[in-house]
Amino acid sequence: MRLNDEPLTWRSTDEIAAAQQELLREHLAFCQRNSPYYRGLLAGIAVEEATFESLADLPLTDKADFSGRNADFLAVPVDRIVDIVLSSGTTGTPNTVMYSEHDLQRLARNESASLAACGLTSRDTALLTCTMDRCFVAGFAYQLGLRRLGAAVIRNGVTTLSSHADLIRRLKPTVLVGVPTFLRKLGRFLGESGIDPAASSVRSLVCIGEPLRDADLSPLKLADDLESLWRAPAFSTYAASETVTTFCECTERRGGHLQPDLAIVEIVDAEGNRLPAGEHGEVVLTPLQCEGMPLVRFKTGDVSFLIEEPCDCGRITPRLGPILGRQCQMIKTKGTTVYPLSILDALNSMDGISDYFVVATSEDRLSDHLTVHAAVSAGCGCSPESIAEQLQTRLRVKTSVVIEPESEIARRVFGSGARKFTRFVDQRSHP
């Protein structure tokens, strides 16, 4: 498979549609010929006539399909595989995802184009504070994209605040890549160490794993905190290991741009019907030009929406809105539904809470119960009652609140053995 390296982003709507349709037909034909899973699923379908509209008639692929028949998704000989990744397993057992050299080149181009859109250049030096090992793709993907961009990379990974602070002092990175709550913690650590993060070399923050904006694209408190601390713009990114595809905000920070020659994105309702732009539903991705484990209409489990208005940056392709939650993590409590991300955002906005995690348990078949474990700053006046009252006022959700030492909260959030920080723990016995 030859990677089509002709950028489509700045083409006209008609040119993009024509090129994307051709790439979609090539992708479906490749899946039909080479993927044991799709050879059966797409049998008898005239893929050479496929269009964006007819794509909606094809079956969806969910994570249970991918996990249950994992080996059947491999579409190239095993000796063509050069990197093996395990998905993070956010909602279950990690899946094996196999990449060919072609796929890594595709990923590098996707990442470099995304990072360039938010203003990074070959003159930048990026400090990676995200996972670089344990079969995870995030840090590796950013490294590939930054190298293709010509930027320098400091691969420090997930380690101590003091280690990152020392590298900021000595190597003067211009970009930080990491989970936003960790980057906020790092900025505060620098301040407590007598170093003003706003006066450091850092001029951009590339954020992964947690949203920075609400459904109106307004910045969340976390985004405001970050930009106030570092005096640098914070850019939100989104990706899924299985799809080898990323979305990243541009300098306008009004939704995540996709590379139209690398993916087709749809939003579907609970029955799998395609939704129009602006309506909230599950993100479904068809990654184009993938080789190792190509996918068709893959259900990510994440809830968002599409933005079709042209971006002020000049790009006219659809953008993906902020991730509002995970479909399977929606909480129902006493007649109110809420996603964990809304709870985390509310906690992020409360002065005096220095760290936290939230546990969901089953109260009965119709209602869930939430317990917030929080560490609070000395002298802030926060009590379990006041925190619970603020959450109920803002979200109309009743919670239990437990105040614990920050060291205990940090142990649960950062030291659980997971590759991602764990702020939401789902212990419910029912979906």
Protein backbone atom coordinates (compact mmCIF):
# COMPACT_ATOMS: atom_id res chain seq x y z
CA MET A 1 0.00 0.00 0.00
CA ARG A 2 1.32 3.43 -0.96
CA LEU A 3 0.63 6.23 1.47
CA ASN A 4 -1.12 9.04 -0.36
CA ASP A 5 0.94 11.98 0.82
CA GLU A 6 -1.03 14.64 -1.04
CA PRO A 7 -2.48 16.99 1.60
CA LEU A 8 -6.21 17.60 1.24
CA THR A 9 -6.74 20.01 4.12
CA TRP A 10 -6.60 23.20 2.08
CA ARG A 11 -8.45 21.90 -1.00
CA SER A 12 -12.00 22.88 -1.99
CA THR A 13 -14.99 20.95 -0.67
CA ASP A 14 -15.51 19.18 -4.00
CA GLU A 15 -11.85 18.21 -4.33
CA ILE A 16 -11.77 16.85 -0.78
CA ALA A 17 -14.96 14.85 -1.30
CA ALA A 18 -13.72 13.33 -4.57
CA ALA A 19 -10.33 12.36 -3.15
CA GLN A 20 -11.86 10.99 0.06
CA GLN A 21 -14.33 8.87 -1.90
CA GLU A 22 -11.52 7.33 -3.94
CA LEU A 23 -9.52 6.62 -0.77
CA LEU A 24 -12.60 5.11 0.90
CA ARG A 25 -13.14 2.71 -2.00
CA GLU A 26 -9.47 1.69 -1.93
CA HIS A 27 -9.69 1.17 1.83
CA LEU A 28 -12.83 -0.97 1.67
CA ALA A 29 -11.39 -3.05 -1.18
CA PHE A 30 -8.20 -3.62 0.82
CA CYS A 31 -10.25 -4.73 3.85
CA GLN A 32 -12.42 -7.00 1.72
CA ARG A 33 -9.36 -8.69 0.17
CA ASN A 34 -6.98 -8.90 3.11
CA SER A 35 -8.80 -8.78 6.45
CA PRO A 36 -10.36 -12.11 7.52
CA TYR A 37 -12.89 -10.21 9.62
CA TYR A 38 -14.00 -7.81 6.88
CA ARG A 39 -13.79 -10.45 4.17
CA GLY A 40 -16.83 -11.98 5.80
CA LEU A 41 -18.53 -8.78 6.92
CA LEU A 42 -18.23 -7.07 3.52
CA ALA A 43 -18.93 -10.16 1.41
CA GLY A 44 -21.11 -9.35 -1.59
CA ILE A 45 -20.87 -5.60 -1.12
CA ALA A 46 -19.82 -3.59 -4.20
CA VAL A 47 -17.16 -1.58 -2.38
CA GLU A 48 -15.95 -0.06 -5.66
CA GLU A 49 -19.18 1.96 -5.68
CA ALA A 50 -18.98 3.14 -2.07
CA THR A 51 -19.67 6.78 -1.18
CA PHE A 52 -19.76 8.72 2.07
CA GLU A 53 -23.54 8.35 2.05
CA SER A 54 -23.48 4.58 1.46
CA LEU A 55 -20.85 4.11 4.18
CA ALA A 56 -23.68 4.59 6.68
CA ASP A 57 -25.27 1.35 5.37
CA LEU A 58 -22.24 -0.77 6.30
CA PRO A 59 -22.10 -2.59 9.65
CA LEU A 60 -20.46 -0.95 12.65
CA THR A 61 -17.46 -2.51 14.39
CA ASP A 62 -17.28 -2.16 18.15
CA LYS A 63 -14.56 -2.88 20.69
CA ALA A 64 -16.12 -6.21 21.59
CA ASP A 65 -15.80 -7.29 17.95
CA PHE A 66 -12.19 -6.15 17.86
CA SER A 67 -11.36 -7.86 21.15
CA GLY A 68 -13.31 -11.06 20.49
CA ARG A 69 -11.82 -11.69 17.05
CA ASN A 70 -8.60 -9.73 17.43
CA ALA A 71 -6.40 -11.94 15.24
CA ASP A 72 -8.93 -11.81 12.36
CA PHE A 73 -8.34 -8.06 11.96
CA LEU A 74 -4.71 -8.56 10.88
CA ALA A 75 -4.58 -7.79 7.14
CA VAL A 76 -0.86 -8.26 6.36
CA PRO A 77 1.59 -11.12 6.98
CA VAL A 78 3.01 -11.13 10.50
CA ASP A 79 6.50 -10.41 9.16
CA ARG A 80 5.21 -7.01 7.96
CA ILE A 81 4.41 -5.98 11.54
CA VAL A 82 7.04 -3.74 13.15
CA ASP A 83 5.31 -2.45 16.30
CA ILE A 84 2.72 -3.96 18.64
CA VAL A 85 0.62 -1.73 20.87
CA LEU A 86 -1.84 -2.50 23.65
CA SER A 87 -4.79 -0.14 23.90
CA SER A 88 -5.19 1.46 27.32
CA GLY A 89 -8.09 -0.75 28.33
CA THR A 90 -10.07 2.19 29.68
CA THR A 91 -13.30 0.21 29.62
CA GLY A 92 -12.06 -3.38 29.59
CA THR A 93 -9.22 -5.72 28.62
CA PRO A 94 -6.51 -4.05 26.51
CA ASN A 95 -6.62 -4.92 22.81
CA THR A 96 -3.62 -5.84 20.69
CA VAL A 97 -3.07 -3.41 17.82
CA MET A 98 -0.42 -4.25 15.23
CA TYR A 99 1.24 -1.59 13.09
CA SER A 100 3.22 -2.04 9.89
CA GLU A 101 5.99 0.36 8.87
CA HIS A 102 3.45 1.98 6.56
CA ASP A 103 1.13 2.56 9.53
CA LEU A 104 3.89 4.21 11.56
CA GLN A 105 4.68 6.53 8.64
CA ARG A 106 0.98 7.34 8.40
CA LEU A 107 0.82 8.02 12.14
CA ALA A 108 3.88 10.27 11.94
CA ARG A 109 2.29 12.31 9.15
CA ASN A 110 -1.00 12.57 11.05
CA GLU A 111 0.78 13.77 14.21
CA SER A 112 3.13 16.18 12.45
CA ALA A 113 0.24 17.80 10.55
CA SER A 114 -1.76 18.08 13.79
CA LEU A 115 1.12 19.62 15.73
CA ALA A 116 1.90 22.02 12.91
CA ALA A 117 -1.73 23.17 13.00
CA CYS A 118 -1.30 24.33 16.60
CA GLY A 119 1.81 26.29 15.71
CA LEU A 120 4.70 23.92 16.38
CA THR A 121 7.71 24.04 14.05
CA SER A 122 11.17 22.53 13.61
CA ARG A 123 12.50 25.20 15.98
CA ASP A 124 10.61 23.74 18.94
CA THR A 125 11.86 21.42 21.67
CA ALA A 126 9.12 19.27 23.24
CA LEU A 127 9.21 17.65 26.68
CA LEU A 128 7.05 14.51 26.67
CA THR A 129 5.49 13.83 30.09
CA CYS A 130 3.22 11.05 28.79
CA THR A 131 3.74 7.28 28.82
CA MET A 132 6.58 6.19 26.56
CA ASP A 133 6.71 2.47 27.42
CA ARG A 134 4.56 -0.53 28.40
CA CYS A 135 3.18 -1.07 24.87
CA PHE A 136 1.42 2.30 24.90
CA VAL A 137 1.28 4.39 21.74
CA ALA A 138 0.70 7.96 23.00
CA GLY A 139 4.25 9.11 23.74
CA PHE A 140 5.63 7.14 20.80
CA ALA A 141 3.12 8.76 18.44
CA TYR A 142 4.08 12.27 19.58
CA GLN A 143 7.74 11.40 19.20
CA LEU A 144 7.14 10.24 15.61
CA GLY A 145 5.18 13.37 14.74
CA LEU A 146 7.66 15.74 16.34
CA ARG A 147 10.60 14.06 14.60
CA ARG A 148 8.83 14.31 11.23
CA LEU A 149 8.22 17.98 11.98
CA GLY A 150 11.94 18.39 12.67
CA ALA A 151 11.46 19.36 16.33
CA ALA A 152 13.67 18.11 19.15
CA VAL A 153 12.17 15.64 21.63
CA ILE A 154 12.89 15.09 25.33
CA ARG A 155 11.43 11.66 26.17
CA ASN A 156 11.10 11.90 29.94
CA GLY A 157 7.78 10.05 30.12
CA VAL A 158 5.72 9.57 33.27
CA THR A 159 8.08 10.39 36.12
CA THR A 160 8.45 12.79 39.04
CA LEU A 161 7.59 16.48 39.12
CA SER A 162 11.14 17.30 40.18
CA SER A 163 12.56 15.41 37.20
CA HIS A 164 10.45 17.40 34.74
CA ALA A 165 11.20 20.64 36.57
CA ASP A 166 14.93 19.96 36.32
CA LEU A 167 14.67 19.36 32.57
CA ILE A 168 12.67 22.56 32.11
CA ARG A 169 15.42 24.48 33.90
CA ARG A 170 18.31 22.82 32.06
CA LEU A 171 17.02 22.06 28.55
CA LYS A 172 14.46 24.86 28.18
CA PRO A 173 11.72 23.07 26.20
CA THR A 174 9.27 25.28 24.33
CA VAL A 175 6.46 22.71 24.37
CA LEU A 176 5.05 20.42 27.05
CA VAL A 177 3.02 17.34 26.07
CA GLY A 178 0.94 15.63 28.75
CA VAL A 179 -2.26 15.18 30.70
CA PRO A 180 -3.58 18.65 31.59
CA THR A 181 -4.14 17.97 35.30
CA PHE A 182 -0.51 16.82 35.51
CA LEU A 183 0.75 19.88 33.64
CA ARG A 184 -1.20 22.05 36.07
CA LYS A 185 0.36 20.17 38.98
CA LEU A 186 3.80 20.65 37.38
CA GLY A 187 3.25 24.39 36.98
CA ARG A 188 2.21 24.71 40.63
CA PHE A 189 5.23 22.65 41.69
CA LEU A 190 7.53 25.02 39.81
CA GLY A 191 5.87 27.98 41.52
CA GLU A 192 6.33 26.41 44.95
CA SER A 193 9.99 25.83 44.05
CA GLY A 194 10.51 29.53 43.37
CA ILE A 195 10.28 29.31 39.57
CA ASP A 196 7.54 31.21 37.76
CA PRO A 197 6.23 28.83 35.05
CA ALA A 198 5.03 31.85 33.06
CA ALA A 199 8.64 33.07 32.86
CA SER A 200 9.98 29.69 31.69
CA SER A 201 10.84 28.68 28.12
CA VAL A 202 7.47 26.93 27.64
CA ARG A 203 5.24 28.60 25.04
CA SER A 204 2.77 25.80 24.14
CA LEU A 205 0.93 23.02 25.99
CA VAL A 206 -0.29 20.00 24.01
CA CYS A 207 -2.84 18.20 26.19
CA ILE A 208 -3.98 14.58 26.04
CA GLY A 209 -6.43 12.38 27.89
CA GLU A 210 -8.67 15.07 29.40
CA PRO A 211 -10.87 17.67 27.68
CA LEU A 212 -10.17 21.39 27.89
CA ARG A 213 -13.51 22.73 26.57
CA ASP A 214 -17.20 22.24 27.13
CA ALA A 215 -19.93 21.57 24.59
CA ASP A 216 -19.98 25.28 23.67
CA LEU A 217 -16.20 25.19 23.06
CA SER A 218 -15.73 27.50 26.05
CA PRO A 219 -12.60 26.75 28.11
CA LEU A 220 -13.08 24.64 31.21
CA LYS A 221 -11.60 25.78 34.51
CA LEU A 222 -8.72 23.36 33.90
CA ALA A 223 -7.83 25.13 30.64
CA ASP A 224 -8.03 28.54 32.30
CA ASP A 225 -5.79 27.33 35.14
CA LEU A 226 -3.20 25.97 32.71
CA GLU A 227 -3.03 29.08 30.55
CA SER A 228 -2.93 31.36 33.59
CA LEU A 229 -0.09 29.37 35.17
CA TRP A 230 2.09 28.97 32.09
CA ARG A 231 0.97 32.05 30.10
CA ALA A 232 0.86 29.70 27.11
CA PRO A 233 -1.98 28.38 24.94
CA ALA A 234 -3.24 24.88 25.75
CA PHE A 235 -4.27 22.70 22.79
CA SER A 236 -6.55 19.69 23.12
CA THR A 237 -5.91 16.45 21.22
CA TYR A 238 -7.90 13.24 20.82
CA ALA A 239 -6.88 9.79 19.56
CA ALA A 240 -7.69 6.09 19.76
CA SER A 241 -4.98 3.42 19.58
CA GLU A 242 -7.02 1.11 17.35
CA THR A 243 -7.58 3.73 14.65
CA VAL A 244 -4.02 5.11 14.29
CA THR A 245 -5.68 8.51 13.92
CA THR A 246 -5.49 11.77 15.87
CA PHE A 247 -7.46 15.02 16.02
CA CYS A 248 -5.86 18.22 17.26
CA GLU A 249 -6.95 21.81 17.74
CA CYS A 250 -5.39 24.50 15.58
CA THR A 251 -4.31 27.92 16.82
CA GLU A 252 -7.99 28.96 16.94
CA ARG A 253 -8.78 26.21 19.48
CA ARG A 254 -12.30 25.61 18.18
CA GLY A 255 -12.45 21.83 17.76
CA GLY A 256 -10.13 19.04 16.63
CA HIS A 257 -9.16 19.00 12.95
CA LEU A 258 -8.97 15.69 11.13
CA GLN A 259 -6.79 14.96 8.14
CA PRO A 260 -9.45 14.14 5.49
CA ASP A 261 -7.21 11.75 3.58
CA LEU A 262 -6.55 9.73 6.75
CA ALA A 263 -9.98 9.30 8.31
CA ILE A 264 -13.72 9.64 7.93
CA VAL A 265 -15.58 10.51 11.10
CA GLU A 266 -19.28 9.98 11.83
CA ILE A 267 -21.46 10.61 14.87
CA VAL A 268 -24.15 7.99 15.54
CA ASP A 269 -27.01 7.57 18.01
CA ALA A 270 -27.62 4.58 20.29
CA GLU A 271 -29.20 2.66 17.39
CA GLY A 272 -26.25 3.36 15.09
CA ASN A 273 -28.00 5.96 12.93
CA ARG A 274 -25.82 8.76 11.60
CA LEU A 275 -26.49 12.13 13.26
CA PRO A 276 -26.18 15.58 11.67
CA ALA A 277 -23.52 18.10 12.70
CA GLY A 278 -24.04 19.57 16.14
CA GLU A 279 -25.91 16.60 17.63
CA HIS A 280 -24.21 14.60 20.37
CA GLY A 281 -23.53 10.90 19.85
CA GLU A 282 -20.85 8.25 19.64
CA VAL A 283 -17.72 8.93 17.59
CA VAL A 284 -17.31 6.40 14.75
CA LEU A 285 -14.06 6.37 12.78
CA THR A 286 -13.04 4.80 9.48
CA PRO A 287 -9.25 5.25 9.30
CA LEU A 288 -8.15 5.45 5.66
CA GLN A 289 -4.82 4.17 4.30
CA CYS A 290 -4.27 1.80 7.25
CA GLU A 291 -2.55 -1.50 6.55
CA GLY A 292 -1.86 -3.65 9.63
CA MET A 293 -5.30 -3.79 11.24
CA PRO A 294 -7.62 -1.64 9.09
CA LEU A 295 -11.05 -0.80 10.48
CA VAL A 296 -14.42 0.18 9.03
CA ARG A 297 -16.89 2.27 11.05
CA PHE A 298 -15.19 1.64 14.38
CA LYS A 299 -17.21 2.67 17.44
CA THR A 300 -14.82 4.43 19.79
CA GLY A 301 -17.21 4.57 22.75
CA ASP A 302 -16.57 8.32 23.08
CA VAL A 303 -19.35 10.91 22.92
CA SER A 304 -18.88 14.14 20.94
CA PHE A 305 -20.28 16.06 17.97
CA LEU A 306 -19.18 17.43 14.60
CA ILE A 307 -18.67 21.09 13.70
CA GLU A 308 -19.16 21.79 9.99
CA GLU A 309 -18.74 25.57 9.89
CA PRO A 310 -15.36 26.60 8.37
CA CYS A 311 -12.72 27.30 10.98
CA ASP A 312 -11.27 30.78 11.32
CA CYS A 313 -7.88 29.25 10.50
CA GLY A 314 -9.12 28.77 6.92
CA ARG A 315 -9.70 25.00 6.95
CA ILE A 316 -13.12 23.94 5.70
CA THR A 317 -13.12 20.28 6.79
CA PRO A 318 -15.37 19.14 9.67
CA ARG A 319 -13.95 19.33 13.18
CA LEU A 320 -14.56 17.08 16.15
CA GLY A 321 -15.92 18.78 19.26
CA PRO A 322 -14.65 18.07 22.78
CA ILE A 323 -15.10 14.56 24.13
CA LEU A 324 -18.09 14.89 26.46
CA GLY A 325 -17.80 11.43 28.03
CA ARG A 326 -17.75 7.72 27.33
CA GLN A 327 -20.95 6.02 26.26
CA CYS A 328 -20.57 3.19 28.78
CA GLN A 329 -19.63 5.49 31.67
CA MET A 330 -22.85 7.52 31.77
CA ILE A 331 -24.04 7.72 35.37
CA LYS A 332 -27.68 7.62 36.40
CA THR A 333 -28.43 8.81 39.90
CA LYS A 334 -31.91 9.60 41.25
CA GLY A 335 -33.32 10.47 37.82
CA THR A 336 -30.33 12.57 36.72
CA THR A 337 -27.80 11.47 34.11
CA VAL A 338 -24.26 12.80 34.03
CA TYR A 339 -20.91 11.85 32.52
CA PRO A 340 -17.84 11.53 34.77
CA LEU A 341 -16.12 14.35 32.89
CA SER A 342 -18.77 16.80 34.13
CA ILE A 343 -18.02 15.76 37.70
CA LEU A 344 -14.27 16.06 37.17
CA ASP A 345 -14.70 19.51 35.66
CA ALA A 346 -16.79 20.61 38.63
CA LEU A 347 -14.10 19.38 41.03
CA ASN A 348 -11.39 21.09 38.98
CA SER A 349 -13.24 24.37 39.39
CA MET A 350 -13.43 24.23 43.19
CA ASP A 351 -10.83 26.28 45.03
CA GLY A 352 -9.14 24.34 47.79
CA ILE A 353 -9.31 20.86 46.22
CA SER A 354 -5.73 19.86 45.44
CA ASP A 355 -6.40 16.35 44.10
CA TYR A 356 -9.24 13.85 43.84
CA PHE A 357 -10.73 10.72 42.32
CA VAL A 358 -14.35 9.56 42.00
CA VAL A 359 -15.77 6.07 42.56
CA ALA A 360 -19.09 4.94 41.05
CA THR A 361 -20.95 2.01 42.62
CA SER A 362 -24.38 0.45 42.07
CA GLU A 363 -27.04 1.62 44.48
CA ASP A 364 -29.73 -0.45 42.78
CA ARG A 365 -30.70 -1.40 39.21
CA LEU A 366 -32.00 2.09 38.47
CA SER A 367 -29.49 4.31 40.25
CA ASP A 368 -25.75 4.67 40.79
CA HIS A 369 -23.92 6.18 43.74
CA LEU A 370 -20.87 8.45 43.62
CA THR A 371 -18.16 8.87 46.24
CA VAL A 372 -15.64 11.68 45.83
CA HIS A 373 -12.25 11.14 47.48
CA ALA A 374 -10.58 14.55 47.76
CA ALA A 375 -7.45 16.12 49.18
CA VAL A 376 -7.85 19.74 50.24
CA SER A 377 -5.40 22.58 50.83
CA ALA A 378 -4.69 23.58 54.42
CA GLY A 379 -6.88 26.42 55.64
CA CYS A 380 -9.19 26.39 52.60
CA GLY A 381 -12.28 25.69 54.67
CA CYS A 382 -13.44 22.83 52.45
CA SER A 383 -15.48 20.15 54.20
CA PRO A 384 -17.18 17.01 52.87
CA GLU A 385 -20.51 18.78 53.29
CA SER A 386 -19.48 21.92 51.39
CA ILE A 387 -18.00 19.93 48.49
CA ALA A 388 -21.11 17.74 48.23
CA GLU A 389 -23.33 20.82 48.32
CA GLN A 390 -21.41 22.51 45.50
CA LEU A 391 -21.65 19.38 43.36
CA GLN A 392 -25.38 19.06 43.97
CA THR A 393 -25.95 22.73 43.15
CA ARG A 394 -23.97 22.54 39.91
CA LEU A 395 -24.86 19.05 38.65
CA ARG A 396 -28.03 18.14 40.55
CA VAL A 397 -26.23 15.01 41.70
CA LYS A 398 -25.97 13.81 45.28
CA THR A 399 -22.54 12.45 46.27
CA SER A 400 -20.67 11.20 49.30
CA VAL A 401 -17.38 12.99 49.95
CA VAL A 402 -14.35 11.65 51.83
CA ILE A 403 -11.39 13.90 52.69
CA GLU A 404 -8.05 12.06 52.53
CA PRO A 405 -4.34 12.99 52.64
CA GLU A 406 -2.94 14.13 49.28
CA SER A 407 -0.37 11.32 49.37
CA GLU A 408 -3.17 8.73 49.48
CA ILE A 409 -5.08 10.40 46.65
CA ALA A 410 -1.90 10.60 44.54
CA ARG A 411 -1.20 6.92 45.19
CA ARG A 412 -4.61 5.98 43.82
CA VAL A 413 -4.55 8.41 40.89
CA PHE A 414 -0.95 8.12 39.72
CA GLY A 415 0.34 4.88 41.18
CA SER A 416 -2.34 2.33 40.44
CA GLY A 417 -0.26 0.56 37.79
CA ALA A 418 -2.40 1.90 34.94
CA ARG A 419 -0.77 3.74 32.05
CA LYS A 420 -3.25 6.59 32.38
CA PHE A 421 -4.05 8.67 35.42
CA THR A 422 -7.15 7.21 37.04
CA ARG A 423 -9.64 9.79 38.31
CA PHE A 424 -12.83 7.81 37.67
CA VAL A 425 -13.14 4.31 39.10
CA ASP A 426 -16.17 2.38 37.86
CA GLN A 427 -17.16 -0.32 40.35
CA ARG A 428 -20.77 -0.65 39.19
CA SER A 429 -22.17 -4.16 38.83
CA HIS A 430 -24.44 -3.21 35.92
CA PRO A 431 -23.83 -1.30 32.63
